[in-house]
Amino acid sequence: MNNSDHCCAQMSFFLNENKVDIHYITQFREYSIGIPNTSGRQDVHFCPWCGSKLPISLRDIWFDELEEKIEDFDGFDDQRIPDEYRDGRWWKGRF
């Protein structure tokens, strides 16, 4: 992932450094921060470094599309999920 994939160089740096508990899930186009002492996460809607509004999460659309495409869709572990839905290609150029 390079700097142009995120809103600023600092966001890219900290996502790659793993020193700050901030995460980007490519398949959902979703940013979140970890909640200390739990396995929970909180979605982030603005960049903590430059203040830019971050793109909306596509998580709901991901599930909606896969539920339409795959009969009895079983969530993240379903082996029938196409590769483009695992790595983010499904949304690039569409949203």
C-alpha atoms as a PDB file:
ATOM      1  CA  MET A   1       0.000   0.000   0.000  1.00  0.00           C
ATOM      2  CA  ASN A   2       1.408   3.399  -0.881  1.00  0.00           C
ATOM      3  CA  ASN A   3       0.713   6.964   0.269  1.00  0.00           C
ATOM      4  CA  SER A   4      -1.793   7.592  -2.514  1.00  0.00           C
ATOM      5  CA  ASP A   5      -4.003   4.820  -1.092  1.00  0.00           C
ATOM      6  CA  HIS A   6      -4.754   6.943   1.989  1.00  0.00           C
ATOM      7  CA  CYS A   7      -5.523  10.583   2.761  1.00  0.00           C
ATOM      8  CA  CYS A   8      -2.018  11.617   3.873  1.00  0.00           C
ATOM      9  CA  ALA A   9       1.541  10.407   4.356  1.00  0.00           C
ATOM     10  CA  GLN A  10       1.091  10.196   8.129  1.00  0.00           C
ATOM     11  CA  MET A  11      -1.903   7.853   7.793  1.00  0.00           C
ATOM     12  CA  SER A  12       0.062   5.617   5.431  1.00  0.00           C
ATOM     13  CA  PHE A  13       3.083   5.689   7.739  1.00  0.00           C
ATOM     14  CA  PHE A  14       1.166   4.708  10.876  1.00  0.00           C
ATOM     15  CA  LEU A  15      -0.827   2.002   9.086  1.00  0.00           C
ATOM     16  CA  ASN A  16       2.442   0.461   7.908  1.00  0.00           C
ATOM     17  CA  GLU A  17       4.398   1.014  11.163  1.00  0.00           C
ATOM     18  CA  ASN A  18       1.979  -0.820  13.486  1.00  0.00           C
ATOM     19  CA  LYS A  19       2.961   1.480  16.377  1.00  0.00           C
ATOM     20  CA  VAL A  20      -0.501   3.047  16.626  1.00  0.00           C
ATOM     21  CA  ASP A  21      -3.539   0.767  16.897  1.00  0.00           C
ATOM     22  CA  ILE A  22      -5.154   2.016  13.682  1.00  0.00           C
ATOM     23  CA  HIS A  23      -6.271  -0.395  10.989  1.00  0.00           C
ATOM     24  CA  TYR A  24      -7.471  -0.354   7.405  1.00  0.00           C
ATOM     25  CA  ILE A  25      -9.547  -3.221   6.027  1.00  0.00           C
ATOM     26  CA  THR A  26      -9.178  -3.088   2.255  1.00  0.00           C
ATOM     27  CA  GLN A  27     -12.125  -5.322   1.418  1.00  0.00           C
ATOM     28  CA  PHE A  28     -14.498  -2.925   3.236  1.00  0.00           C
ATOM     29  CA  ARG A  29     -12.567   0.334   2.631  1.00  0.00           C
ATOM     30  CA  GLU A  30     -12.820   0.797   6.389  1.00  0.00           C
ATOM     31  CA  TYR A  31     -10.625   2.519   8.992  1.00  0.00           C
ATOM     32  CA  SER A  32     -10.774   1.733  12.704  1.00  0.00           C
ATOM     33  CA  ILE A  33      -8.831   2.088  15.929  1.00  0.00           C
ATOM     34  CA  GLY A  34      -8.462  -0.590  18.582  1.00  0.00           C
ATOM     35  CA  ILE A  35     -10.157  -0.223  21.942  1.00  0.00           C
ATOM     36  CA  PRO A  36      -7.537  -0.847  24.671  1.00  0.00           C
ATOM     37  CA  ASN A  37      -7.788  -4.073  26.680  1.00  0.00           C
ATOM     38  CA  THR A  38     -10.493  -5.511  24.403  1.00  0.00           C
ATOM     39  CA  SER A  39     -10.728  -7.077  20.967  1.00  0.00           C
ATOM     40  CA  GLY A  40     -13.136  -4.291  19.971  1.00  0.00           C
ATOM     41  CA  ARG A  41     -12.661  -1.669  17.298  1.00  0.00           C
ATOM     42  CA  GLN A  42     -14.162   1.754  16.713  1.00  0.00           C
ATOM     43  CA  ASP A  43     -14.720   3.016  13.179  1.00  0.00           C
ATOM     44  CA  VAL A  44     -12.852   6.218  12.351  1.00  0.00           C
ATOM     45  CA  HIS A  45     -14.540   8.770  10.087  1.00  0.00           C
ATOM     46  CA  PHE A  46     -11.825  11.453  10.022  1.00  0.00           C
ATOM     47  CA  CYS A  47      -8.050  11.147   9.769  1.00  0.00           C
ATOM     48  CA  PRO A  48      -6.430  11.680  13.184  1.00  0.00           C
ATOM     49  CA  TRP A  49      -3.446  13.416  11.532  1.00  0.00           C
ATOM     50  CA  CYS A  50      -4.739  15.648   8.740  1.00  0.00           C
ATOM     51  CA  GLY A  51      -8.441  15.806   9.625  1.00  0.00           C
ATOM     52  CA  SER A  52      -9.651  14.689   6.192  1.00  0.00           C
ATOM     53  CA  LYS A  53     -13.035  12.987   6.017  1.00  0.00           C
ATOM     54  CA  LEU A  54     -12.398   9.305   5.307  1.00  0.00           C
ATOM     55  CA  PRO A  55     -14.443   7.372   2.753  1.00  0.00           C
ATOM     56  CA  ILE A  56     -17.514   5.556   4.043  1.00  0.00           C
ATOM     57  CA  SER A  57     -17.213   1.897   4.913  1.00  0.00           C
ATOM     58  CA  LEU A  58     -18.510  -0.499   2.285  1.00  0.00           C
ATOM     59  CA  ARG A  59     -19.028  -3.342   4.788  1.00  0.00           C
ATOM     60  CA  ASP A  60     -22.837  -3.427   4.424  1.00  0.00           C
ATOM     61  CA  ILE A  61     -22.622  -3.375   0.619  1.00  0.00           C
ATOM     62  CA  TRP A  62     -20.018  -6.192   0.717  1.00  0.00           C
ATOM     63  CA  PHE A  63     -22.384  -8.396   2.715  1.00  0.00           C
ATOM     64  CA  ASP A  64     -25.420  -7.429   0.596  1.00  0.00           C
ATOM     65  CA  GLU A  65     -23.648  -8.288  -2.655  1.00  0.00           C
ATOM     66  CA  LEU A  66     -22.281 -11.597  -1.410  1.00  0.00           C
ATOM     67  CA  GLU A  67     -25.652 -12.622   0.024  1.00  0.00           C
ATOM     68  CA  GLU A  68     -27.098 -12.053  -3.467  1.00  0.00           C
ATOM     69  CA  LYS A  69     -24.277 -13.904  -5.258  1.00  0.00           C
ATOM     70  CA  ILE A  70     -23.795 -16.883  -2.921  1.00  0.00           C
ATOM     71  CA  GLU A  71     -26.650 -19.099  -1.810  1.00  0.00           C
ATOM     72  CA  ASP A  72     -26.609 -19.657   1.973  1.00  0.00           C
ATOM     73  CA  PHE A  73     -23.687 -17.230   2.356  1.00  0.00           C
ATOM     74  CA  ASP A  74     -21.862 -18.090   5.585  1.00  0.00           C
ATOM     75  CA  GLY A  75     -19.855 -14.934   6.326  1.00  0.00           C
ATOM     76  CA  PHE A  76     -16.112 -14.230   6.328  1.00  0.00           C
ATOM     77  CA  ASP A  77     -15.016 -17.854   6.371  1.00  0.00           C
ATOM     78  CA  ASP A  78     -17.159 -18.919   3.417  1.00  0.00           C
ATOM     79  CA  GLN A  79     -14.751 -20.540   0.941  1.00  0.00           C
ATOM     80  CA  ARG A  80     -16.926 -19.448  -1.997  1.00  0.00           C
ATOM     81  CA  ILE A  81     -16.092 -15.745  -1.597  1.00  0.00           C
ATOM     82  CA  PRO A  82     -14.498 -14.607  -4.877  1.00  0.00           C
ATOM     83  CA  ASP A  83     -10.914 -13.322  -4.585  1.00  0.00           C
ATOM     84  CA  GLU A  84     -11.900  -9.798  -5.661  1.00  0.00           C
ATOM     85  CA  TYR A  85     -14.146  -9.591  -2.570  1.00  0.00           C
ATOM     86  CA  ARG A  86     -11.273 -10.604  -0.311  1.00  0.00           C
ATOM     87  CA  ASP A  87      -8.797  -7.929  -1.418  1.00  0.00           C
ATOM     88  CA  GLY A  88     -10.863  -4.882  -2.365  1.00  0.00           C
ATOM     89  CA  ARG A  89     -10.896  -5.177  -6.145  1.00  0.00           C
ATOM     90  CA  TRP A  90     -14.694  -5.470  -6.060  1.00  0.00           C
ATOM     91  CA  TRP A  91     -15.155  -1.806  -5.105  1.00  0.00           C
ATOM     92  CA  LYS A  92     -12.218  -0.067  -6.802  1.00  0.00           C
ATOM     93  CA  GLY A  93     -13.447   2.080  -9.660  1.00  0.00           C
ATOM     94  CA  ARG A  94     -17.069   1.766  -8.502  1.00  0.00           C
ATOM     95  CA  PHE A  95     -17.224   3.973  -5.412  1.00  0.00           C
END
